Amino acid sequence: MRAQVPRSLSWSLSHYIPIQCMLAAMQEQEMANEGNLVAWCKRERESLQMQREMLQSGKFHILKDEGSGQIDTTSESIERITANINELDAILADYEASAPRA
């Protein structure tokens, strides 16, 4: 008597090829997502750089209401923005170092 193999477990060459195509498509999507992430990092860095320049120039201030009046927290904001820029720079540097060379 021959054992029946469930359809979900039976593999053939016709099943193998579409899976390979799906894997290739998934890899392409991952690369596209990675490119989108890198583009976002660059745009975000530019935006943060502009914010920091405006705060450093004195054109804008960040005020926090502590209940007893407003307190200027511009310097803390500049420090936080600088830290965020440095983090984005590190992410972009890691990406550039690991990106395949053409």
C-alpha atoms as a PDB file:
ATOM      1  CA  MET A   1       0.000   0.000   0.000  1.00  0.00           C
ATOM      2  CA  ARG A   2       1.395   3.399  -0.985  1.00  0.00           C
ATOM      3  CA  ALA A   3       1.227   6.293   1.495  1.00  0.00           C
ATOM      4  CA  GLN A   4      -0.560   9.411   0.330  1.00  0.00           C
ATOM      5  CA  VAL A   5       1.492  12.627   0.470  1.00  0.00           C
ATOM      6  CA  PRO A   6      -0.581  15.669   1.340  1.00  0.00           C
ATOM      7  CA  ARG A   7      -0.706  18.251  -1.439  1.00  0.00           C
ATOM      8  CA  SER A   8       0.772  20.864   0.867  1.00  0.00           C
ATOM      9  CA  LEU A   9       3.931  18.754   1.255  1.00  0.00           C
ATOM     10  CA  SER A  10       4.425  17.706  -2.340  1.00  0.00           C
ATOM     11  CA  TRP A  11       7.150  19.639  -4.158  1.00  0.00           C
ATOM     12  CA  SER A  12       7.953  19.672  -7.803  1.00  0.00           C
ATOM     13  CA  LEU A  13      10.115  21.747 -10.112  1.00  0.00           C
ATOM     14  CA  SER A  14       7.060  23.800 -11.052  1.00  0.00           C
ATOM     15  CA  HIS A  15       6.736  24.848  -7.396  1.00  0.00           C
ATOM     16  CA  TYR A  16      10.449  25.575  -7.030  1.00  0.00           C
ATOM     17  CA  ILE A  17      10.717  28.126  -9.844  1.00  0.00           C
ATOM     18  CA  PRO A  18       7.951  30.465  -8.604  1.00  0.00           C
ATOM     19  CA  ILE A  19       9.442  30.394  -5.105  1.00  0.00           C
ATOM     20  CA  GLN A  20      12.813  31.455  -6.535  1.00  0.00           C
ATOM     21  CA  CYS A  21      11.068  34.264  -8.413  1.00  0.00           C
ATOM     22  CA  MET A  22       9.299  35.317  -5.239  1.00  0.00           C
ATOM     23  CA  LEU A  23      12.588  35.343  -3.331  1.00  0.00           C
ATOM     24  CA  ALA A  24      14.200  37.476  -6.029  1.00  0.00           C
ATOM     25  CA  ALA A  25      11.256  39.884  -5.942  1.00  0.00           C
ATOM     26  CA  MET A  26      11.471  40.067  -2.144  1.00  0.00           C
ATOM     27  CA  GLN A  27      15.188  40.848  -2.347  1.00  0.00           C
ATOM     28  CA  GLU A  28      14.506  43.596  -4.891  1.00  0.00           C
ATOM     29  CA  GLN A  29      11.832  45.047  -2.589  1.00  0.00           C
ATOM     30  CA  GLU A  30      14.247  44.946   0.361  1.00  0.00           C
ATOM     31  CA  MET A  31      16.816  46.831  -1.705  1.00  0.00           C
ATOM     32  CA  ALA A  32      14.192  49.397  -2.728  1.00  0.00           C
ATOM     33  CA  ASN A  33      13.122  49.800   0.894  1.00  0.00           C
ATOM     34  CA  GLU A  34      16.773  50.203   1.884  1.00  0.00           C
ATOM     35  CA  GLY A  35      17.161  52.897  -0.769  1.00  0.00           C
ATOM     36  CA  ASN A  36      14.043  54.635   0.543  1.00  0.00           C
ATOM     37  CA  LEU A  37      15.428  54.506   4.071  1.00  0.00           C
ATOM     38  CA  VAL A  38      18.738  56.002   2.958  1.00  0.00           C
ATOM     39  CA  ALA A  39      16.902  58.758   1.069  1.00  0.00           C
ATOM     40  CA  TRP A  40      14.787  59.452   4.159  1.00  0.00           C
ATOM     41  CA  CYS A  41      17.916  59.645   6.339  1.00  0.00           C
ATOM     42  CA  LYS A  42      19.466  62.180   3.967  1.00  0.00           C
ATOM     43  CA  ARG A  43      16.305  64.319   3.836  1.00  0.00           C
ATOM     44  CA  GLU A  44      15.878  64.163   7.608  1.00  0.00           C
ATOM     45  CA  ARG A  45      19.503  65.171   8.122  1.00  0.00           C
ATOM     46  CA  GLU A  46      19.051  68.191   5.837  1.00  0.00           C
ATOM     47  CA  SER A  47      15.890  69.205   7.697  1.00  0.00           C
ATOM     48  CA  LEU A  48      17.578  68.890  11.082  1.00  0.00           C
ATOM     49  CA  GLN A  49      20.589  70.831   9.824  1.00  0.00           C
ATOM     50  CA  MET A  50      18.310  73.709   8.763  1.00  0.00           C
ATOM     51  CA  GLN A  51      16.514  73.672  12.124  1.00  0.00           C
ATOM     52  CA  ARG A  52      19.804  73.735  13.987  1.00  0.00           C
ATOM     53  CA  GLU A  53      21.120  76.632  11.878  1.00  0.00           C
ATOM     54  CA  MET A  54      17.962  78.661  12.533  1.00  0.00           C
ATOM     55  CA  LEU A  55      18.174  78.027  16.262  1.00  0.00           C
ATOM     56  CA  GLN A  56      21.888  78.805  16.391  1.00  0.00           C
ATOM     57  CA  SER A  57      21.383  82.045  14.453  1.00  0.00           C
ATOM     58  CA  GLY A  58      18.790  83.241  16.951  1.00  0.00           C
ATOM     59  CA  LYS A  59      16.005  83.467  14.347  1.00  0.00           C
ATOM     60  CA  PHE A  60      13.965  81.012  16.402  1.00  0.00           C
ATOM     61  CA  HIS A  61      13.841  80.002  20.051  1.00  0.00           C
ATOM     62  CA  ILE A  62      12.296  77.030  21.815  1.00  0.00           C
ATOM     63  CA  LEU A  63      10.369  78.029  24.917  1.00  0.00           C
ATOM     64  CA  LYS A  64       8.972  75.646  27.501  1.00  0.00           C
ATOM     65  CA  ASP A  65       6.213  76.588  29.921  1.00  0.00           C
ATOM     66  CA  GLU A  66       7.176  75.427  33.404  1.00  0.00           C
ATOM     67  CA  GLY A  67       4.063  76.863  35.032  1.00  0.00           C
ATOM     68  CA  SER A  68       5.872  79.843  36.507  1.00  0.00           C
ATOM     69  CA  GLY A  69       6.721  81.244  33.086  1.00  0.00           C
ATOM     70  CA  GLN A  70       8.449  80.346  29.893  1.00  0.00           C
ATOM     71  CA  ILE A  71      11.999  79.030  29.946  1.00  0.00           C
ATOM     72  CA  ASP A  72      14.279  79.162  26.913  1.00  0.00           C
ATOM     73  CA  THR A  73      15.332  75.595  26.075  1.00  0.00           C
ATOM     74  CA  THR A  74      16.945  76.438  22.730  1.00  0.00           C
ATOM     75  CA  SER A  75      20.384  75.171  23.756  1.00  0.00           C
ATOM     76  CA  GLU A  76      18.966  71.795  24.824  1.00  0.00           C
ATOM     77  CA  SER A  77      17.124  71.554  21.504  1.00  0.00           C
ATOM     78  CA  ILE A  78      20.327  72.329  19.605  1.00  0.00           C
ATOM     79  CA  GLU A  79      22.117  69.567  21.537  1.00  0.00           C
ATOM     80  CA  ARG A  80      19.320  67.083  20.808  1.00  0.00           C
ATOM     81  CA  ILE A  81      19.251  68.017  17.108  1.00  0.00           C
ATOM     82  CA  THR A  82      23.047  67.682  16.920  1.00  0.00           C
ATOM     83  CA  ALA A  83      22.837  64.214  18.499  1.00  0.00           C
ATOM     84  CA  ASN A  84      20.175  63.214  15.962  1.00  0.00           C
ATOM     85  CA  ILE A  85      22.322  64.493  13.080  1.00  0.00           C
ATOM     86  CA  ASN A  86      25.284  62.513  14.415  1.00  0.00           C
ATOM     87  CA  GLU A  87      23.139  59.376  14.625  1.00  0.00           C
ATOM     88  CA  LEU A  88      21.947  59.826  11.040  1.00  0.00           C
ATOM     89  CA  ASP A  89      25.551  60.410   9.933  1.00  0.00           C
ATOM     90  CA  ALA A  90      26.552  57.122  11.583  1.00  0.00           C
ATOM     91  CA  ILE A  91      23.693  55.254   9.872  1.00  0.00           C
ATOM     92  CA  LEU A  92      24.629  56.708   6.480  1.00  0.00           C
ATOM     93  CA  ALA A  93      28.333  55.956   7.023  1.00  0.00           C
ATOM     94  CA  ASP A  94      27.531  52.335   7.936  1.00  0.00           C
ATOM     95  CA  TYR A  95      25.380  52.028   4.835  1.00  0.00           C
ATOM     96  CA  GLU A  96      28.075  53.512   2.589  1.00  0.00           C
ATOM     97  CA  ALA A  97      30.697  51.179   4.084  1.00  0.00           C
ATOM     98  CA  SER A  98      28.540  48.093   3.524  1.00  0.00           C
ATOM     99  CA  ALA A  99      27.108  49.042   0.119  1.00  0.00           C
ATOM    100  CA  PRO A 100      28.451  46.979  -2.772  1.00  0.00           C
ATOM    101  CA  ARG A 101      30.769  48.887  -5.072  1.00  0.00           C
ATOM    102  CA  ALA A 102      29.803  49.064  -8.729  1.00  0.00           C
END
